[in-house]
N, C-alpha and C. Protein backbone atom coordinates (compact mmCIF):
# COMPACT_ATOMS: atom_id res chain seq x y z
N MET A 1 -48.16 6.58 39.45
CA MET A 1 -47.27 7.10 38.44
C MET A 1 -46.10 6.12 38.26
N ALA A 2 -45.72 5.87 37.04
CA ALA A 2 -44.68 4.90 36.74
C ALA A 2 -43.30 5.52 36.90
N GLU A 3 -42.36 4.70 37.33
CA GLU A 3 -40.95 5.10 37.44
C GLU A 3 -40.20 4.45 36.29
N GLU A 4 -39.57 5.26 35.46
CA GLU A 4 -38.71 4.75 34.40
C GLU A 4 -37.29 4.68 34.96
N ILE A 5 -36.72 3.50 34.94
CA ILE A 5 -35.35 3.31 35.40
C ILE A 5 -34.46 3.32 34.17
N ARG A 6 -33.52 4.24 34.13
CA ARG A 6 -32.67 4.42 32.96
C ARG A 6 -31.19 4.28 33.34
N ALA A 7 -30.40 3.89 32.36
CA ALA A 7 -28.95 3.74 32.57
C ALA A 7 -28.31 5.11 32.77
N GLU A 8 -27.40 5.18 33.71
CA GLU A 8 -26.70 6.43 33.98
C GLU A 8 -25.37 6.51 33.25
N MET A 9 -24.97 5.40 32.60
CA MET A 9 -23.69 5.37 31.90
C MET A 9 -23.70 4.24 30.88
N VAL A 10 -22.72 4.23 30.02
CA VAL A 10 -22.52 3.11 29.10
C VAL A 10 -22.00 1.93 29.92
N ALA A 11 -22.65 0.78 29.78
CA ALA A 11 -22.26 -0.38 30.59
C ALA A 11 -22.81 -1.66 29.97
N ASN A 12 -22.27 -2.78 30.43
CA ASN A 12 -22.77 -4.10 30.07
C ASN A 12 -23.74 -4.56 31.15
N VAL A 13 -24.83 -5.20 30.75
CA VAL A 13 -25.78 -5.77 31.71
C VAL A 13 -25.23 -7.14 32.13
N MET A 14 -24.85 -7.25 33.40
CA MET A 14 -24.32 -8.53 33.91
C MET A 14 -25.45 -9.48 34.29
N THR A 15 -26.34 -8.99 35.17
CA THR A 15 -27.45 -9.82 35.65
C THR A 15 -28.72 -9.00 35.71
N VAL A 16 -29.84 -9.69 35.58
CA VAL A 16 -31.16 -9.09 35.76
C VAL A 16 -31.79 -9.79 36.96
N SER A 17 -32.17 -9.03 37.98
CA SER A 17 -32.64 -9.60 39.24
C SER A 17 -34.15 -9.79 39.32
N VAL A 18 -34.89 -9.14 38.43
CA VAL A 18 -36.35 -9.21 38.48
C VAL A 18 -36.91 -9.49 37.09
N ALA A 19 -38.17 -9.89 37.07
CA ALA A 19 -38.87 -10.15 35.81
C ALA A 19 -40.14 -9.32 35.78
N GLU A 20 -40.72 -9.17 34.60
CA GLU A 20 -41.99 -8.47 34.49
C GLU A 20 -43.02 -9.14 35.39
N GLY A 21 -43.74 -8.32 36.14
CA GLY A 21 -44.75 -8.83 37.06
C GLY A 21 -44.27 -9.00 38.49
N ASP A 22 -42.96 -8.94 38.71
CA ASP A 22 -42.41 -9.10 40.06
C ASP A 22 -42.65 -7.84 40.89
N PRO A 23 -42.98 -8.02 42.19
CA PRO A 23 -43.06 -6.86 43.08
C PRO A 23 -41.65 -6.43 43.49
N VAL A 24 -41.46 -5.12 43.66
CA VAL A 24 -40.18 -4.59 44.13
C VAL A 24 -40.44 -3.56 45.21
N ALA A 25 -39.48 -3.40 46.10
CA ALA A 25 -39.55 -2.39 47.16
C ALA A 25 -38.53 -1.30 46.87
N ASP A 26 -38.74 -0.15 47.46
CA ASP A 26 -37.81 0.96 47.32
C ASP A 26 -36.40 0.49 47.68
N GLY A 27 -35.44 0.68 46.77
CA GLY A 27 -34.05 0.30 47.03
C GLY A 27 -33.67 -1.08 46.55
N ASP A 28 -34.62 -1.84 45.98
CA ASP A 28 -34.28 -3.15 45.44
C ASP A 28 -33.44 -3.01 44.18
N SER A 29 -32.54 -3.95 43.97
CA SER A 29 -31.72 -3.98 42.76
C SER A 29 -32.51 -4.66 41.65
N VAL A 30 -32.55 -4.02 40.46
CA VAL A 30 -33.22 -4.65 39.32
C VAL A 30 -32.22 -5.26 38.35
N VAL A 31 -31.07 -4.63 38.18
CA VAL A 31 -30.01 -5.18 37.34
C VAL A 31 -28.65 -4.84 37.94
N MET A 32 -27.65 -5.60 37.53
CA MET A 32 -26.26 -5.29 37.87
C MET A 32 -25.55 -4.95 36.57
N LEU A 33 -24.98 -3.75 36.52
CA LEU A 33 -24.23 -3.33 35.34
C LEU A 33 -22.74 -3.48 35.61
N GLU A 34 -21.96 -3.58 34.53
CA GLU A 34 -20.50 -3.63 34.64
C GLU A 34 -19.93 -2.60 33.69
N SER A 35 -19.06 -1.76 34.24
CA SER A 35 -18.39 -0.74 33.43
C SER A 35 -16.99 -0.55 34.00
N MET A 36 -16.01 -0.66 33.14
CA MET A 36 -14.60 -0.48 33.54
C MET A 36 -14.24 -1.36 34.74
N LYS A 37 -14.69 -2.62 34.69
CA LYS A 37 -14.40 -3.63 35.72
C LYS A 37 -15.07 -3.34 37.07
N MET A 38 -16.00 -2.39 37.10
CA MET A 38 -16.75 -2.09 38.32
C MET A 38 -18.17 -2.60 38.17
N GLU A 39 -18.71 -3.17 39.25
CA GLU A 39 -20.10 -3.62 39.27
C GLU A 39 -20.96 -2.52 39.86
N ILE A 40 -22.03 -2.15 39.13
CA ILE A 40 -22.89 -1.06 39.56
C ILE A 40 -24.33 -1.57 39.66
N PRO A 41 -24.88 -1.65 40.88
CA PRO A 41 -26.29 -2.05 41.00
C PRO A 41 -27.20 -0.90 40.57
N VAL A 42 -28.28 -1.24 39.90
CA VAL A 42 -29.30 -0.25 39.54
C VAL A 42 -30.50 -0.52 40.43
N LEU A 43 -30.88 0.48 41.22
CA LEU A 43 -31.89 0.32 42.26
C LEU A 43 -33.18 1.04 41.92
N THR A 44 -34.29 0.52 42.47
CA THR A 44 -35.57 1.21 42.33
C THR A 44 -35.61 2.37 43.31
N GLU A 45 -36.43 3.36 42.99
CA GLU A 45 -36.60 4.50 43.89
C GLU A 45 -37.99 4.51 44.50
N ARG A 46 -38.78 3.47 44.20
CA ARG A 46 -40.11 3.36 44.78
C ARG A 46 -40.56 1.90 44.76
N SER A 47 -41.55 1.60 45.57
CA SER A 47 -42.13 0.26 45.57
C SER A 47 -43.15 0.15 44.46
N GLY A 48 -43.37 -1.05 43.98
CA GLY A 48 -44.37 -1.27 42.94
C GLY A 48 -44.19 -2.61 42.28
N THR A 49 -44.64 -2.70 41.03
CA THR A 49 -44.57 -3.92 40.25
C THR A 49 -43.82 -3.63 38.95
N VAL A 50 -42.91 -4.52 38.60
CA VAL A 50 -42.15 -4.35 37.36
C VAL A 50 -43.11 -4.60 36.20
N ARG A 51 -43.32 -3.58 35.37
CA ARG A 51 -44.21 -3.71 34.21
C ARG A 51 -43.43 -4.02 32.93
N THR A 52 -42.22 -3.50 32.83
CA THR A 52 -41.41 -3.71 31.63
C THR A 52 -39.96 -3.92 32.04
N MET A 53 -39.33 -4.96 31.50
CA MET A 53 -37.88 -5.13 31.59
C MET A 53 -37.35 -4.99 30.17
N ALA A 54 -36.54 -3.97 29.94
CA ALA A 54 -36.09 -3.66 28.58
C ALA A 54 -34.70 -4.20 28.27
N VAL A 55 -34.06 -4.88 29.23
CA VAL A 55 -32.71 -5.39 29.00
C VAL A 55 -32.62 -6.85 29.41
N ARG A 56 -31.57 -7.51 28.88
CA ARG A 56 -31.26 -8.89 29.23
C ARG A 56 -29.77 -8.98 29.52
N PRO A 57 -29.34 -10.01 30.25
CA PRO A 57 -27.91 -10.18 30.47
C PRO A 57 -27.16 -10.23 29.14
N GLY A 58 -26.03 -9.52 29.09
CA GLY A 58 -25.24 -9.46 27.87
C GLY A 58 -25.51 -8.24 27.02
N ASP A 59 -26.63 -7.55 27.27
CA ASP A 59 -26.93 -6.33 26.53
C ASP A 59 -25.94 -5.23 26.92
N VAL A 60 -25.75 -4.29 26.02
CA VAL A 60 -24.96 -3.09 26.30
C VAL A 60 -25.94 -1.93 26.31
N VAL A 61 -25.91 -1.13 27.38
CA VAL A 61 -26.77 0.03 27.48
C VAL A 61 -25.95 1.30 27.33
N GLN A 62 -26.59 2.30 26.76
CA GLN A 62 -26.00 3.62 26.61
C GLN A 62 -26.63 4.53 27.67
N GLU A 63 -25.97 5.63 27.98
CA GLU A 63 -26.52 6.58 28.95
C GLU A 63 -27.92 6.99 28.50
N GLY A 64 -28.90 6.87 29.41
CA GLY A 64 -30.27 7.24 29.13
C GLY A 64 -31.16 6.13 28.60
N ASP A 65 -30.58 4.96 28.28
CA ASP A 65 -31.38 3.85 27.79
C ASP A 65 -32.34 3.34 28.89
N LEU A 66 -33.54 2.94 28.48
CA LEU A 66 -34.52 2.39 29.41
C LEU A 66 -34.07 1.02 29.88
N ILE A 67 -34.11 0.81 31.19
CA ILE A 67 -33.80 -0.50 31.78
C ILE A 67 -35.10 -1.19 32.20
N ALA A 68 -35.96 -0.45 32.92
CA ALA A 68 -37.20 -1.04 33.40
C ALA A 68 -38.22 0.05 33.70
N ILE A 69 -39.49 -0.37 33.80
CA ILE A 69 -40.55 0.51 34.24
C ILE A 69 -41.22 -0.17 35.43
N VAL A 70 -41.35 0.59 36.53
CA VAL A 70 -42.00 0.10 37.74
C VAL A 70 -43.25 0.96 37.97
N GLU A 71 -44.39 0.30 38.16
CA GLU A 71 -45.64 1.02 38.44
C GLU A 71 -46.08 0.78 39.85
């Protein structure tokens, strides 16, 4: 079953740590967001392979926007 990783708040995408096809483990950071001068890592909740990366550095995400899909 795929895990959809979604933004929990409005933020700027600072860095993207993984690419499509990369393996990830539970708790790995996929992106670093910035909101109100705070850096917020976005972590996976399961191990798998990144199938979709929906953001790039410099993008602005809204609450609920898709960041990545891990299968």
